[in-house]
PDB file of all heavy atoms in Angstrom:
ATOM      1  N   GLY A   1      26.691 111.893  85.339  1.00  0.00           N
ATOM      2  CA  GLY A   1      26.889 112.076  86.777  1.00  0.00           C
ATOM      3  C   GLY A   1      25.600 112.440  87.489  1.00  0.00           C
ATOM      4  O   GLY A   1      25.304 111.907  88.569  1.00  0.00           O
ATOM      5  N   TYR A   2      24.826 113.331  86.904  1.00  0.00           N
ATOM      6  CA  TYR A   2      23.539 113.732  87.495  1.00  0.00           C
ATOM      7  C   TYR A   2      22.590 112.544  87.564  1.00  0.00           C
ATOM      8  O   TYR A   2      21.916 112.325  88.584  1.00  0.00           O
ATOM      9  CB  TYR A   2      22.927 114.855  86.660  1.00  0.00           C
ATOM     10  CG  TYR A   2      21.556 115.274  87.114  1.00  0.00           C
ATOM     11  CD1 TYR A   2      21.387 116.090  88.229  1.00  0.00           C
ATOM     12  CD2 TYR A   2      20.424 114.863  86.419  1.00  0.00           C
ATOM     13  CE1 TYR A   2      20.123 116.474  88.650  1.00  0.00           C
ATOM     14  CE2 TYR A   2      19.154 115.244  86.822  1.00  0.00           C
ATOM     15  CZ  TYR A   2      19.009 116.053  87.939  1.00  0.00           C
ATOM     16  OH  TYR A   2      17.751 116.423  88.348  1.00  0.00           O
ATOM     17  N   SER A   3      22.543 111.762  86.501  1.00  0.00           N
ATOM     18  CA  SER A   3      21.653 110.604  86.474  1.00  0.00           C
ATOM     19  C   SER A   3      22.053 109.577  87.530  1.00  0.00           C
ATOM     20  O   SER A   3      21.198 108.981  88.192  1.00  0.00           O
ATOM     21  CB  SER A   3      21.683 109.949  85.084  1.00  0.00           C
ATOM     22  OG  SER A   3      21.221 110.846  84.103  1.00  0.00           O
ATOM     23  N   SER A   4      23.357 109.388  87.698  1.00  0.00           N
ATOM     24  CA  SER A   4      23.841 108.373  88.636  1.00  0.00           C
ATOM     25  C   SER A   4      23.721 108.816  90.086  1.00  0.00           C
ATOM     26  O   SER A   4      23.239 108.068  90.938  1.00  0.00           O
ATOM     27  CB  SER A   4      25.291 108.026  88.306  1.00  0.00           C
ATOM     28  OG  SER A   4      25.827 107.126  89.241  1.00  0.00           O
ATOM     29  N   LEU A   5      24.148 110.059  90.371  1.00  0.00           N
ATOM     30  CA  LEU A   5      24.236 110.515  91.757  1.00  0.00           C
ATOM     31  C   LEU A   5      22.929 111.088  92.293  1.00  0.00           C
ATOM     32  O   LEU A   5      22.652 110.983  93.487  1.00  0.00           O
ATOM     33  CB  LEU A   5      25.342 111.574  91.878  1.00  0.00           C
ATOM     34  CG  LEU A   5      26.751 111.101  91.474  1.00  0.00           C
ATOM     35  CD1 LEU A   5      27.730 112.262  91.541  1.00  0.00           C
ATOM     36  CD2 LEU A   5      27.210 109.959  92.379  1.00  0.00           C
ATOM     37  N   VAL A   6      22.135 111.690  91.413  1.00  0.00           N
ATOM     38  CA  VAL A   6      20.909 112.357  91.862  1.00  0.00           C
ATOM     39  C   VAL A   6      19.662 111.526  91.553  1.00  0.00           C
ATOM     40  O   VAL A   6      18.849 111.259  92.440  1.00  0.00           O
ATOM     41  CB  VAL A   6      20.790 113.759  91.215  1.00  0.00           C
ATOM     42  CG1 VAL A   6      19.487 114.432  91.652  1.00  0.00           C
ATOM     43  CG2 VAL A   6      21.989 114.611  91.579  1.00  0.00           C
ATOM     44  N   LEU A   7      19.520 111.113  90.303  1.00  0.00           N
ATOM     45  CA  LEU A   7      18.299 110.409  89.920  1.00  0.00           C
ATOM     46  C   LEU A   7      18.327 108.933  90.302  1.00  0.00           C
ATOM     47  O   LEU A   7      17.308 108.370  90.678  1.00  0.00           O
ATOM     48  CB  LEU A   7      18.101 110.548  88.401  1.00  0.00           C
ATOM     49  CG  LEU A   7      17.877 111.975  87.881  1.00  0.00           C
ATOM     50  CD1 LEU A   7      17.696 111.951  86.370  1.00  0.00           C
ATOM     51  CD2 LEU A   7      16.673 112.619  88.548  1.00  0.00           C
ATOM     52  N   GLY A   8      19.486 108.304  90.204  1.00  0.00           N
ATOM     53  CA  GLY A   8      19.579 106.882  90.524  1.00  0.00           C
ATOM     54  C   GLY A   8      18.698 106.047  89.615  1.00  0.00           C
ATOM     55  O   GLY A   8      18.689 106.227  88.395  1.00  0.00           O
ATOM     56  N   ASP A   9      17.901 105.131  90.204  1.00  0.00           N
ATOM     57  CA  ASP A   9      17.024 104.272  89.419  1.00  0.00           C
ATOM     58  C   ASP A   9      15.970 105.056  88.656  1.00  0.00           C
ATOM     59  O   ASP A   9      15.426 104.577  87.653  1.00  0.00           O
ATOM     60  CB  ASP A   9      16.326 103.252  90.326  1.00  0.00           C
ATOM     61  CG  ASP A   9      17.287 102.169  90.804  1.00  0.00           C
ATOM     62  OD1 ASP A   9      18.472 102.222  90.414  1.00  0.00           O
ATOM     63  OD2 ASP A   9      16.854 101.288  91.560  1.00  0.00           O
ATOM     64  N   LEU A  10      15.656 106.264  89.090  1.00  0.00           N
ATOM     65  CA  LEU A  10      14.641 107.078  88.426  1.00  0.00           C
ATOM     66  C   LEU A  10      15.085 107.515  87.031  1.00  0.00           C
ATOM     67  O   LEU A  10      14.268 107.958  86.220  1.00  0.00           O
ATOM     68  CB  LEU A  10      14.314 108.318  89.260  1.00  0.00           C
ATOM     69  CG  LEU A  10      13.666 108.059  90.631  1.00  0.00           C
ATOM     70  CD1 LEU A  10      13.483 109.381  91.371  1.00  0.00           C
ATOM     71  CD2 LEU A  10      12.332 107.340  90.458  1.00  0.00           C
ATOM     72  N   ALA A  11      16.362 107.400  86.742  1.00  0.00           N
ATOM     73  CA  ALA A  11      16.870 107.787  85.419  1.00  0.00           C
ATOM     74  C   ALA A  11      16.514 106.767  84.355  1.00  0.00           C
ATOM     75  O   ALA A  11      16.645 107.047  83.162  1.00  0.00           O
ATOM     76  CB  ALA A  11      18.382 107.965  85.465  1.00  0.00           C
ATOM     77  N   TYR A  12      16.037 105.591  84.774  1.00  0.00           N
ATOM     78  CA  TYR A  12      15.799 104.516  83.827  1.00  0.00           C
ATOM     79  C   TYR A  12      14.305 104.244  83.683  1.00  0.00           C
ATOM     80  O   TYR A  12      13.508 104.516  84.572  1.00  0.00           O
ATOM     81  CB  TYR A  12      16.518 103.231  84.282  1.00  0.00           C
ATOM     82  CG  TYR A  12      18.018 103.386  84.279  1.00  0.00           C
ATOM     83  CD1 TYR A  12      18.680 103.938  85.376  1.00  0.00           C
ATOM     84  CD2 TYR A  12      18.768 103.006  83.182  1.00  0.00           C
ATOM     85  CE1 TYR A  12      20.061 104.104  85.368  1.00  0.00           C
ATOM     86  CE2 TYR A  12      20.143 103.161  83.158  1.00  0.00           C
ATOM     87  CZ  TYR A  12      20.780 103.708  84.251  1.00  0.00           C
ATOM     88  OH  TYR A  12      22.136 103.881  84.241  1.00  0.00           O
ATOM     89  N   ALA A  13      13.952 103.662  82.525  1.00  0.00           N
ATOM     90  CA  ALA A  13      12.549 103.342  82.271  1.00  0.00           C
ATOM     91  C   ALA A  13      12.053 102.280  83.237  1.00  0.00           C
ATOM     92  O   ALA A  13      10.880 102.240  83.583  1.00  0.00           O
ATOM     93  CB  ALA A  13      12.367 102.868  80.826  1.00  0.00           C
ATOM     94  N   HIS A  14      12.956 101.435  83.668  1.00  0.00           N
ATOM     95  CA  HIS A  14      12.587 100.368  84.590  1.00  0.00           C
ATOM     96  C   HIS A  14      13.775 100.111  85.502  1.00  0.00           C
ATOM     97  O   HIS A  14      14.918 100.034  85.033  1.00  0.00           O
ATOM     98  CB  HIS A  14      12.220  99.083  83.824  1.00  0.00           C
ATOM     99  CG  HIS A  14      11.522  98.068  84.673  1.00  0.00           C
ATOM    100  ND1 HIS A  14      12.187  97.131  85.401  1.00  0.00           N
ATOM    101  CD2 HIS A  14      10.202  97.868  84.903  1.00  0.00           C
ATOM    102  CE1 HIS A  14      11.316  96.366  86.037  1.00  0.00           C
ATOM    103  NE2 HIS A  14      10.106  96.785  85.759  1.00  0.00           N
ATOM    104  N   PRO A  15      13.563  99.989  86.813  1.00  0.00           N
ATOM    105  CA  PRO A  15      14.685  99.817  87.754  1.00  0.00           C
ATOM    106  C   PRO A  15      15.583  98.634  87.432  1.00  0.00           C
ATOM    107  O   PRO A  15      16.765  98.653  87.746  1.00  0.00           O
ATOM    108  CB  PRO A  15      13.981  99.618  89.109  1.00  0.00           C
ATOM    109  CG  PRO A  15      12.662 100.297  88.950  1.00  0.00           C
ATOM    110  CD  PRO A  15      12.273 100.089  87.517  1.00  0.00           C
ATOM    111  N   SER A  16      15.054  97.593  86.792  1.00  0.00           N
ATOM    112  CA  SER A  16      15.880  96.428  86.474  1.00  0.00           C
ATOM    113  C   SER A  16      17.028  96.790  85.540  1.00  0.00           C
ATOM    114  O   SER A  16      18.082  96.156  85.563  1.00  0.00           O
ATOM    115  CB  SER A  16      15.016  95.338  85.829  1.00  0.00           C
ATOM    116  OG  SER A  16      14.483  95.793  84.599  1.00  0.00           O
ATOM    117  N   GLN A  17      16.831  97.829  84.715  1.00  0.00           N
ATOM    118  CA  GLN A  17      17.900  98.250  83.817  1.00  0.00           C
ATOM    119  C   GLN A  17      19.063  98.856  84.594  1.00  0.00           C
ATOM    120  O   GLN A  17      20.227  98.650  84.267  1.00  0.00           O
ATOM    121  CB  GLN A  17      17.354  99.258  82.806  1.00  0.00           C
ATOM    122  CG  GLN A  17      16.325  98.674  81.844  1.00  0.00           C
ATOM    123  CD  GLN A  17      15.750  99.743  80.952  1.00  0.00           C
ATOM    124  OE1 GLN A  17      15.036 100.621  81.398  1.00  0.00           O
ATOM    125  NE2 GLN A  17      16.066  99.657  79.671  1.00  0.00           N
ATOM    126  N   ALA A  18      18.745  99.636  85.630  1.00  0.00           N
ATOM    127  CA  ALA A  18      19.786 100.279  86.420  1.00  0.00           C
ATOM    128  C   ALA A  18      20.568  99.267  87.241  1.00  0.00           C
ATOM    129  O   ALA A  18      21.753  99.452  87.515  1.00  0.00           O
ATOM    130  CB  ALA A  18      19.170 101.334  87.339  1.00  0.00           C
ATOM    131  N   ARG A  19      19.891  98.186  87.630  1.00  0.00           N
ATOM    132  CA  ARG A  19      20.553  97.218  88.505  1.00  0.00           C
ATOM    133  C   ARG A  19      21.159  96.052  87.728  1.00  0.00           C
ATOM    134  O   ARG A  19      21.510  95.030  88.293  1.00  0.00           O
ATOM    135  CB  ARG A  19      19.537  96.694  89.532  1.00  0.00           C
ATOM    136  CG  ARG A  19      19.122  97.744  90.550  1.00  0.00           C
ATOM    137  CD  ARG A  19      18.399  97.101  91.716  1.00  0.00           C
ATOM    138  NE  ARG A  19      17.080  96.623  91.335  1.00  0.00           N
ATOM    139  CZ  ARG A  19      15.965  97.327  91.487  1.00  0.00           C
ATOM    140  NH1 ARG A  19      16.022  98.549  91.972  1.00  0.00           N
ATOM    141  NH2 ARG A  19      14.797  96.837  91.131  1.00  0.00           N
ATOM    142  N   PHE A  20      21.268  96.192  86.436  1.00  0.00           N
ATOM    143  CA  PHE A  20      21.879  95.152  85.603  1.00  0.00           C
ATOM    144  C   PHE A  20      23.344  94.997  86.001  1.00  0.00           C
ATOM    145  O   PHE A  20      24.062  95.972  86.138  1.00  0.00           O
ATOM    146  CB  PHE A  20      21.766  95.540  84.135  1.00  0.00           C
ATOM    147  CG  PHE A  20      21.878  94.370  83.197  1.00  0.00           C
ATOM    148  CD1 PHE A  20      20.741  93.789  82.664  1.00  0.00           C
ATOM    149  CD2 PHE A  20      23.106  93.854  82.855  1.00  0.00           C
ATOM    150  CE1 PHE A  20      20.835  92.718  81.792  1.00  0.00           C
ATOM    151  CE2 PHE A  20      23.220  92.794  81.984  1.00  0.00           C
ATOM    152  CZ  PHE A  20      22.075  92.221  81.452  1.00  0.00           C
ATOM    153  N   SER A  21      23.781  93.753  86.148  1.00  0.00           N
ATOM    154  CA  SER A  21      25.156  93.486  86.576  1.00  0.00           C
ATOM    155  C   SER A  21      26.164  94.110  85.616  1.00  0.00           C
ATOM    156  O   SER A  21      26.063  93.975  84.401  1.00  0.00           O
ATOM    157  CB  SER A  21      25.394  91.972  86.649  1.00  0.00           C
ATOM    158  OG  SER A  21      26.750  91.696  86.918  1.00  0.00           O
ATOM    159  N   SER A  22      27.159  94.798  86.175  1.00  0.00           N
ATOM    160  CA  SER A  22      28.183  95.446  85.343  1.00  0.00           C
ATOM    161  C   SER A  22      29.585  95.137  85.857  1.00  0.00           C
ATOM    162  O   SER A  22      30.457  95.976  85.848  1.00  0.00           O
ATOM    163  CB  SER A  22      27.959  96.967  85.311  1.00  0.00           C
ATOM    164  OG  SER A  22      26.766  97.281  84.658  1.00  0.00           O
ATOM    165  N   GLN A  23      29.795  93.908  86.319  1.00  0.00           N
ATOM    166  CA  GLN A  23      31.121  93.525  86.790  1.00  0.00           C
ATOM    167  C   GLN A  23      32.053  93.321  85.597  1.00  0.00           C
ATOM    168  O   GLN A  23      31.673  92.744  84.580  1.00  0.00           O
ATOM    169  CB  GLN A  23      31.034  92.234  87.612  1.00  0.00           C
ATOM    170  CG  GLN A  23      30.246  92.416  88.913  1.00  0.00           C
ATOM    171  CD  GLN A  23      30.210  91.136  89.741  1.00  0.00           C
ATOM    172  OE1 GLN A  23      30.643  90.090  89.279  1.00  0.00           O
ATOM    173  NE2 GLN A  23      29.699  91.239  90.946  1.00  0.00           N
ATOM    174  N   PHE A  24      33.275  93.790  85.754  1.00  0.00           N
ATOM    175  CA  PHE A  24      34.239  93.749  84.660  1.00  0.00           C
ATOM    176  C   PHE A  24      34.981  92.424  84.668  1.00  0.00           C
ATOM    177  O   PHE A  24      35.624  92.058  85.650  1.00  0.00           O
ATOM    178  CB  PHE A  24      35.231  94.907  84.789  1.00  0.00           C
ATOM    179  CG  PHE A  24      36.254  94.939  83.690  1.00  0.00           C
ATOM    180  CD1 PHE A  24      35.930  95.475  82.459  1.00  0.00           C
ATOM    181  CD2 PHE A  24      37.532  94.434  83.883  1.00  0.00           C
ATOM    182  CE1 PHE A  24      36.858  95.505  81.428  1.00  0.00           C
ATOM    183  CE2 PHE A  24      38.467  94.467  82.867  1.00  0.00           C
ATOM    184  CZ  PHE A  24      38.129  95.006  81.629  1.00  0.00           C
ATOM    185  N   HIS A  25      34.873  91.695  83.562  1.00  0.00           N
ATOM    186  CA  HIS A  25      35.632  90.452  83.372  1.00  0.00           C
ATOM    187  C   HIS A  25      36.451  90.631  82.097  1.00  0.00           C
ATOM    188  O   HIS A  25      35.889  90.654  80.990  1.00  0.00           O
ATOM    189  CB  HIS A  25      34.697  89.247  83.252  1.00  0.00           C
ATOM    190  CG  HIS A  25      33.852  89.020  84.472  1.00  0.00           C
ATOM    191  ND1 HIS A  25      34.363  88.508  85.643  1.00  0.00           N
ATOM    192  CD2 HIS A  25      32.543  89.276  84.703  1.00  0.00           C
ATOM    193  CE1 HIS A  25      33.401  88.417  86.545  1.00  0.00           C
ATOM    194  NE2 HIS A  25      32.281  88.889  85.999  1.00  0.00           N
ATOM    195  N   ALA A  26      37.752  90.742  82.256  1.00  0.00           N
ATOM    196  CA  ALA A  26      38.623  91.134  81.147  1.00  0.00           C
ATOM    197  C   ALA A  26      38.471  90.227  79.933  1.00  0.00           C
ATOM    198  O   ALA A  26      38.304  90.706  78.802  1.00  0.00           O
ATOM    199  CB  ALA A  26      40.073  91.157  81.625  1.00  0.00           C
ATOM    200  N   LEU A  27      38.518  88.905  80.129  1.00  0.00           N
ATOM    201  CA  LEU A  27      38.450  87.987  78.997  1.00  0.00           C
ATOM    202  C   LEU A  27      37.098  88.058  78.301  1.00  0.00           C
ATOM    203  O   LEU A  27      37.009  88.008  77.066  1.00  0.00           O
ATOM    204  CB  LEU A  27      38.738  86.553  79.462  1.00  0.00           C
ATOM    205  CG  LEU A  27      40.187  86.266  79.884  1.00  0.00           C
ATOM    206  CD1 LEU A  27      40.326  84.816  80.345  1.00  0.00           C
ATOM    207  CD2 LEU A  27      41.140  86.539  78.718  1.00  0.00           C
ATOM    208  N   SER A  28      36.036  88.180  79.099  1.00  0.00           N
ATOM    209  CA  SER A  28      34.697  88.271  78.519  1.00  0.00           C
ATOM    210  C   SER A  28      34.554  89.542  77.689  1.00  0.00           C
ATOM    211  O   SER A  28      34.022  89.520  76.571  1.00  0.00           O
ATOM    212  CB  SER A  28      33.642  88.244  79.629  1.00  0.00           C
ATOM    213  OG  SER A  28      32.352  88.448  79.093  1.00  0.00           O
ATOM    214  N   VAL A  29      35.042  90.658  78.228  1.00  0.00           N
ATOM    215  CA  VAL A  29      34.957  91.934  77.512  1.00  0.00           C
ATOM    216  C   VAL A  29      35.803  91.877  76.239  1.00  0.00           C
ATOM    217  O   VAL A  29      35.373  92.340  75.167  1.00  0.00           O
ATOM    218  CB  VAL A  29      35.411  93.096  78.416  1.00  0.00           C
ATOM    219  CG1 VAL A  29      35.575  94.378  77.605  1.00  0.00           C
ATOM    220  CG2 VAL A  29      34.409  93.314  79.544  1.00  0.00           C
ATOM    221  N   LEU A  30      37.011  91.295  76.332  1.00  0.00           N
ATOM    222  CA  LEU A  30      37.884  91.184  75.159  1.00  0.00           C
ATOM    223  C   LEU A  30      37.218  90.344  74.077  1.00  0.00           C
ATOM    224  O   LEU A  30      37.273  90.693  72.877  1.00  0.00           O
ATOM    225  CB  LEU A  30      39.222  90.569  75.552  1.00  0.00           C
ATOM    226  CG  LEU A  30      40.242  90.380  74.416  1.00  0.00           C
ATOM    227  CD1 LEU A  30      40.590  91.726  73.793  1.00  0.00           C
ATOM    228  CD2 LEU A  30      41.491  89.679  74.936  1.00  0.00           C
ATOM    229  N   HIS A  31      36.588  89.252  74.473  1.00  0.00           N
ATOM    230  CA  HIS A  31      35.893  88.398  73.505  1.00  0.00           C
ATOM    231  C   HIS A  31      34.774  89.174  72.817  1.00  0.00           C
ATOM    232  O   HIS A  31      34.598  89.084  71.598  1.00  0.00           O
ATOM    233  CB  HIS A  31      35.325  87.168  74.212  1.00  0.00           C
ATOM    234  CG  HIS A  31      34.506  86.274  73.314  1.00  0.00           C
ATOM    235  ND1 HIS A  31      33.134  86.430  73.158  1.00  0.00           N
ATOM    236  CD2 HIS A  31      34.861  85.241  72.505  1.00  0.00           C
ATOM    237  CE1 HIS A  31      32.688  85.537  72.308  1.00  0.00           C
ATOM    238  NE2 HIS A  31      33.707  84.802  71.902  1.00  0.00           N
ATOM    239  N   LYS A  32      34.010  89.941  73.586  1.00  0.00           N
ATOM    240  CA  LYS A  32      32.919  90.731  73.008  1.00  0.00           C
ATOM    241  C   LYS A  32      33.464  91.783  72.036  1.00  0.00           C
ATOM    242  O   LYS A  32      32.882  92.013  70.968  1.00  0.00           O
ATOM    243  CB  LYS A  32      32.132  91.425  74.122  1.00  0.00           C
ATOM    244  CG  LYS A  32      31.350  90.488  75.027  1.00  0.00           C
ATOM    245  CD  LYS A  32      30.186  89.862  74.300  1.00  0.00           C
ATOM    246  CE  LYS A  32      29.367  88.988  75.236  1.00  0.00           C
ATOM    247  NZ  LYS A  32      28.254  88.312  74.524  1.00  0.00           N
TER     248      LYS A  32
END
């Protein structure tokens, strides 16, 4: 929670990691 709400992108080594797409697709997740 602290990393997400306070640090934001600063919590990650590189901002691209924080902005990685995290949309939930049920079939894709089930397959994985």
